[in-house]
Amino acid sequence: MVLVYVSAATRELTRDELHGMLESARVRNAAAGITGVLLYHRGGFMQALEGPRSQVEALFARIVRDVRHHNLIVAARRPRAKRDFADWSMGFVDLADGDVPEGFSPLLHQPAVREAYAASPDRVHQFLSHYARTAVLA
C-alpha cells in the first residue's frame, strides 16, 4: 500500500530535531518493512509511506497523534504492488528556498492548495517519485 500526506509542523524544526526524528523513523520503518520519502520545507511536510497495509496504517496513526504535526491531509491511500522508494527506509530531502520546485511551497503552506492536491492523489505521488529520483540522481 502507499499512503501520501501533507502536513504543517506546529513550529519550524531545527536541523538536529529533523535528524533525530529521521534516525528513529529509519530504524522503526526498516523493522516494519516500511519505505518512503519525506520532504520538508520551512515547517511543511510531504511524505509517502509504502509497505504492508497494517504497518503503514499503524505508523500513520502515530503520525496523526504526533504533536509536531497539524493540518494533515491525506493525498493518497491505496493498494500498490510496486514500491517507488524500495531502497529507502525513509529518504529525506530538506529543501532550501532555492531548491523548491514551483508549486511545492504552496502545497505545504496553503490549505486550499493541499486540498486540491488531495483530490488528485496520482499527481502528488508522481511528484514525490519524480522529485526523489531527481534528488538521487543529482
C-alpha atoms as a PDB file:
ATOM      1  CA  MET A   1       0.000   0.000   0.000  1.00  0.00           C
ATOM      2  CA  VAL A   2       1.032   3.603  -0.394  1.00  0.00           C
ATOM      3  CA  LEU A   3      -0.086   6.485   1.792  1.00  0.00           C
ATOM      4  CA  VAL A   4       0.871  10.069   0.941  1.00  0.00           C
ATOM      5  CA  TYR A   5       0.073  13.014   3.169  1.00  0.00           C
ATOM      6  CA  VAL A   6       0.945  16.658   3.599  1.00  0.00           C
ATOM      7  CA  SER A   7       1.000  18.483   6.920  1.00  0.00           C
ATOM      8  CA  ALA A   8       2.280  21.554   8.653  1.00  0.00           C
ATOM      9  CA  ALA A   9       4.647  21.480  11.591  1.00  0.00           C
ATOM     10  CA  THR A  10       3.402  23.206  14.720  1.00  0.00           C
ATOM     11  CA  ARG A  11       6.705  25.098  14.557  1.00  0.00           C
ATOM     12  CA  GLU A  12       9.766  25.009  12.318  1.00  0.00           C
ATOM     13  CA  LEU A  13      12.063  22.183  13.347  1.00  0.00           C
ATOM     14  CA  THR A  14      15.794  22.594  13.765  1.00  0.00           C
ATOM     15  CA  ARG A  15      18.180  20.519  11.686  1.00  0.00           C
ATOM     16  CA  ASP A  16      19.086  18.497  14.815  1.00  0.00           C
ATOM     17  CA  GLU A  17      15.404  17.808  15.550  1.00  0.00           C
ATOM     18  CA  LEU A  18      14.819  16.671  11.970  1.00  0.00           C
ATOM     19  CA  HIS A  19      17.850  14.396  12.015  1.00  0.00           C
ATOM     20  CA  GLY A  20      16.820  12.872  15.350  1.00  0.00           C
ATOM     21  CA  MET A  21      13.310  12.254  14.037  1.00  0.00           C
ATOM     22  CA  LEU A  22      14.725  10.636  10.895  1.00  0.00           C
ATOM     23  CA  GLU A  23      17.160   8.380  12.745  1.00  0.00           C
ATOM     24  CA  SER A  24      14.429   6.860  14.885  1.00  0.00           C
ATOM     25  CA  ALA A  25      11.998   6.652  11.932  1.00  0.00           C
ATOM     26  CA  ARG A  26      14.531   4.805   9.788  1.00  0.00           C
ATOM     27  CA  VAL A  27      15.092   2.159  12.465  1.00  0.00           C
ATOM     28  CA  ARG A  28      11.352   1.651  13.095  1.00  0.00           C
ATOM     29  CA  ASN A  29      10.486   1.704   9.389  1.00  0.00           C
ATOM     30  CA  ALA A  30      13.144  -0.845   8.460  1.00  0.00           C
ATOM     31  CA  ALA A  31      11.879  -3.186  11.194  1.00  0.00           C
ATOM     32  CA  ALA A  32       8.278  -2.772   9.988  1.00  0.00           C
ATOM     33  CA  GLY A  33       9.063  -3.173   6.274  1.00  0.00           C
ATOM     34  CA  ILE A  34       8.098   0.419   5.508  1.00  0.00           C
ATOM     35  CA  THR A  35       9.850   2.506   2.876  1.00  0.00           C
ATOM     36  CA  GLY A  36       9.225   6.061   1.779  1.00  0.00           C
ATOM     37  CA  VAL A  37      10.370   9.606   1.396  1.00  0.00           C
ATOM     38  CA  LEU A  38       9.877  12.772   3.432  1.00  0.00           C
ATOM     39  CA  LEU A  39      10.178  16.266   2.003  1.00  0.00           C
ATOM     40  CA  TYR A  40      10.460  19.186   4.402  1.00  0.00           C
ATOM     41  CA  HIS A  41      10.387  22.901   3.694  1.00  0.00           C
ATOM     42  CA  ARG A  42      10.098  25.661   6.280  1.00  0.00           C
ATOM     43  CA  GLY A  43       7.659  23.829   8.516  1.00  0.00           C
ATOM     44  CA  GLY A  44       5.806  21.917   5.817  1.00  0.00           C
ATOM     45  CA  PHE A  45       5.925  18.156   5.290  1.00  0.00           C
ATOM     46  CA  MET A  46       5.043  15.893   2.378  1.00  0.00           C
ATOM     47  CA  GLN A  47       5.567  12.195   2.991  1.00  0.00           C
ATOM     48  CA  ALA A  48       4.983   8.944   1.128  1.00  0.00           C
ATOM     49  CA  LEU A  49       4.857   5.702   3.109  1.00  0.00           C
ATOM     50  CA  GLU A  50       4.939   2.295   1.402  1.00  0.00           C
ATOM     51  CA  GLY A  51       4.576  -1.158   2.842  1.00  0.00           C
ATOM     52  CA  PRO A  52       2.148  -3.678   4.304  1.00  0.00           C
ATOM     53  CA  ARG A  53      -1.230  -2.050   4.915  1.00  0.00           C
ATOM     54  CA  SER A  54      -1.345  -2.823   8.648  1.00  0.00           C
ATOM     55  CA  GLN A  55       2.156  -1.433   9.208  1.00  0.00           C
ATOM     56  CA  VAL A  56       1.570   1.736   7.159  1.00  0.00           C
ATOM     57  CA  GLU A  57      -1.768   2.400   8.877  1.00  0.00           C
ATOM     58  CA  ALA A  58      -0.213   1.866  12.334  1.00  0.00           C
ATOM     59  CA  LEU A  59       2.611   4.282  11.504  1.00  0.00           C
ATOM     60  CA  PHE A  60       0.204   6.856  10.122  1.00  0.00           C
ATOM     61  CA  ALA A  61      -1.913   6.614  13.294  1.00  0.00           C
ATOM     62  CA  ARG A  62       1.229   7.551  15.279  1.00  0.00           C
ATOM     63  CA  ILE A  63       1.939  10.431  12.888  1.00  0.00           C
ATOM     64  CA  VAL A  64      -1.598  11.761  13.332  1.00  0.00           C
ATOM     65  CA  ARG A  65      -1.108  11.787  17.118  1.00  0.00           C
ATOM     66  CA  ASP A  66       2.345  13.422  16.867  1.00  0.00           C
ATOM     67  CA  VAL A  67       2.137  16.910  18.384  1.00  0.00           C
ATOM     68  CA  ARG A  68       4.712  18.193  15.866  1.00  0.00           C
ATOM     69  CA  HIS A  69       2.090  17.964  13.056  1.00  0.00           C
ATOM     70  CA  HIS A  70      -1.219  19.614  12.355  1.00  0.00           C
ATOM     71  CA  ASN A  71      -3.426  20.188   9.309  1.00  0.00           C
ATOM     72  CA  LEU A  72      -2.768  16.686   7.986  1.00  0.00           C
ATOM     73  CA  ILE A  73      -4.352  15.954   4.634  1.00  0.00           C
ATOM     74  CA  VAL A  74      -4.177  12.501   3.074  1.00  0.00           C
ATOM     75  CA  ALA A  75      -3.439  12.895  -0.625  1.00  0.00           C
ATOM     76  CA  ALA A  76      -3.332   9.180  -1.483  1.00  0.00           C
ATOM     77  CA  ARG A  77      -4.177   5.956   0.328  1.00  0.00           C
ATOM     78  CA  ARG A  78      -4.404   2.909  -1.883  1.00  0.00           C
ATOM     79  CA  PRO A  79      -3.056  -0.550  -2.602  1.00  0.00           C
ATOM     80  CA  ARG A  80       0.154  -0.547  -4.606  1.00  0.00           C
ATOM     81  CA  ALA A  81       2.229  -3.565  -5.559  1.00  0.00           C
ATOM     82  CA  LYS A  82       5.325  -1.715  -6.766  1.00  0.00           C
ATOM     83  CA  ARG A  83       7.363   0.458  -4.410  1.00  0.00           C
ATOM     84  CA  ASP A  84       8.840   3.698  -5.695  1.00  0.00           C
ATOM     85  CA  PHE A  85      11.144   4.086  -2.669  1.00  0.00           C
ATOM     86  CA  ALA A  86      12.093   0.454  -2.095  1.00  0.00           C
ATOM     87  CA  ASP A  87      15.676   1.263  -1.110  1.00  0.00           C
ATOM     88  CA  TRP A  88      14.803   3.957   1.424  1.00  0.00           C
ATOM     89  CA  SER A  89      13.642   3.154   4.977  1.00  0.00           C
ATOM     90  CA  MET A  90      12.970   6.900   4.922  1.00  0.00           C
ATOM     91  CA  GLY A  91      14.526   9.065   2.258  1.00  0.00           C
ATOM     92  CA  PHE A  92      14.709  12.707   3.258  1.00  0.00           C
ATOM     93  CA  VAL A  93      15.025  15.977   1.413  1.00  0.00           C
ATOM     94  CA  ASP A  94      15.283  19.249   3.348  1.00  0.00           C
ATOM     95  CA  LEU A  95      14.504  21.776   0.672  1.00  0.00           C
ATOM     96  CA  ALA A  96      16.404  25.036   0.818  1.00  0.00           C
ATOM     97  CA  ASP A  97      14.484  28.020  -0.507  1.00  0.00           C
ATOM     98  CA  GLY A  98      16.381  27.888  -3.792  1.00  0.00           C
ATOM     99  CA  ASP A  99      15.587  24.174  -4.223  1.00  0.00           C
ATOM    100  CA  VAL A 100      11.811  24.419  -4.001  1.00  0.00           C
ATOM    101  CA  PRO A 101      10.127  23.462  -7.266  1.00  0.00           C
ATOM    102  CA  GLU A 102       7.327  25.691  -8.457  1.00  0.00           C
ATOM    103  CA  GLY A 103       4.073  24.804  -6.707  1.00  0.00           C
ATOM    104  CA  PHE A 104       5.713  22.909  -3.854  1.00  0.00           C
ATOM    105  CA  SER A 105       5.720  25.536  -1.137  1.00  0.00           C
ATOM    106  CA  PRO A 106       2.066  26.495  -1.671  1.00  0.00           C
ATOM    107  CA  LEU A 107       1.191  22.803  -1.456  1.00  0.00           C
ATOM    108  CA  LEU A 108       2.647  22.640   2.012  1.00  0.00           C
ATOM    109  CA  HIS A 109       1.524  26.004   3.339  1.00  0.00           C
ATOM    110  CA  GLN A 110      -1.894  26.800   1.847  1.00  0.00           C
ATOM    111  CA  PRO A 111      -4.811  24.599   2.923  1.00  0.00           C
ATOM    112  CA  ALA A 112      -6.795  25.208  -0.286  1.00  0.00           C
ATOM    113  CA  VAL A 113      -3.872  24.052  -2.430  1.00  0.00           C
ATOM    114  CA  ARG A 114      -3.315  20.979  -0.216  1.00  0.00           C
ATOM    115  CA  GLU A 115      -6.994  20.081  -0.577  1.00  0.00           C
ATOM    116  CA  ALA A 116      -6.813  20.455  -4.361  1.00  0.00           C
ATOM    117  CA  TYR A 117      -3.846  18.078  -4.472  1.00  0.00           C
ATOM    118  CA  ALA A 118      -5.701  15.653  -2.201  1.00  0.00           C
ATOM    119  CA  ALA A 119      -8.312  15.429  -4.953  1.00  0.00           C
ATOM    120  CA  SER A 120      -5.565  14.296  -7.356  1.00  0.00           C
ATOM    121  CA  PRO A 121      -3.538  11.651  -5.475  1.00  0.00           C
ATOM    122  CA  ASP A 122      -1.740  10.344  -8.560  1.00  0.00           C
ATOM    123  CA  ARG A 123      -0.341  13.805  -9.214  1.00  0.00           C
ATOM    124  CA  VAL A 124       1.068  14.053  -5.683  1.00  0.00           C
ATOM    125  CA  HIS A 125       2.593  10.575  -5.773  1.00  0.00           C
ATOM    126  CA  GLN A 126       4.102  11.222  -9.206  1.00  0.00           C
ATOM    127  CA  PHE A 127       5.546  14.482  -7.888  1.00  0.00           C
ATOM    128  CA  LEU A 128       7.209  12.721  -4.953  1.00  0.00           C
ATOM    129  CA  SER A 129       8.521   9.909  -7.129  1.00  0.00           C
ATOM    130  CA  HIS A 130       9.934  12.332  -9.680  1.00  0.00           C
ATOM    131  CA  TYR A 131      11.486  14.580  -7.062  1.00  0.00           C
ATOM    132  CA  ALA A 132      13.045  11.650  -5.204  1.00  0.00           C
ATOM    133  CA  ARG A 133      14.525  10.208  -8.405  1.00  0.00           C
ATOM    134  CA  THR A 134      15.875  13.642  -9.341  1.00  0.00           C
ATOM    135  CA  ALA A 135      17.407  14.125  -5.878  1.00  0.00           C
ATOM    136  CA  VAL A 136      19.072  10.701  -6.006  1.00  0.00           C
ATOM    137  CA  LEU A 137      20.490  11.302  -9.467  1.00  0.00           C
ATOM    138  CA  ALA A 138      21.807  14.761  -8.607  1.00  0.00           C
END
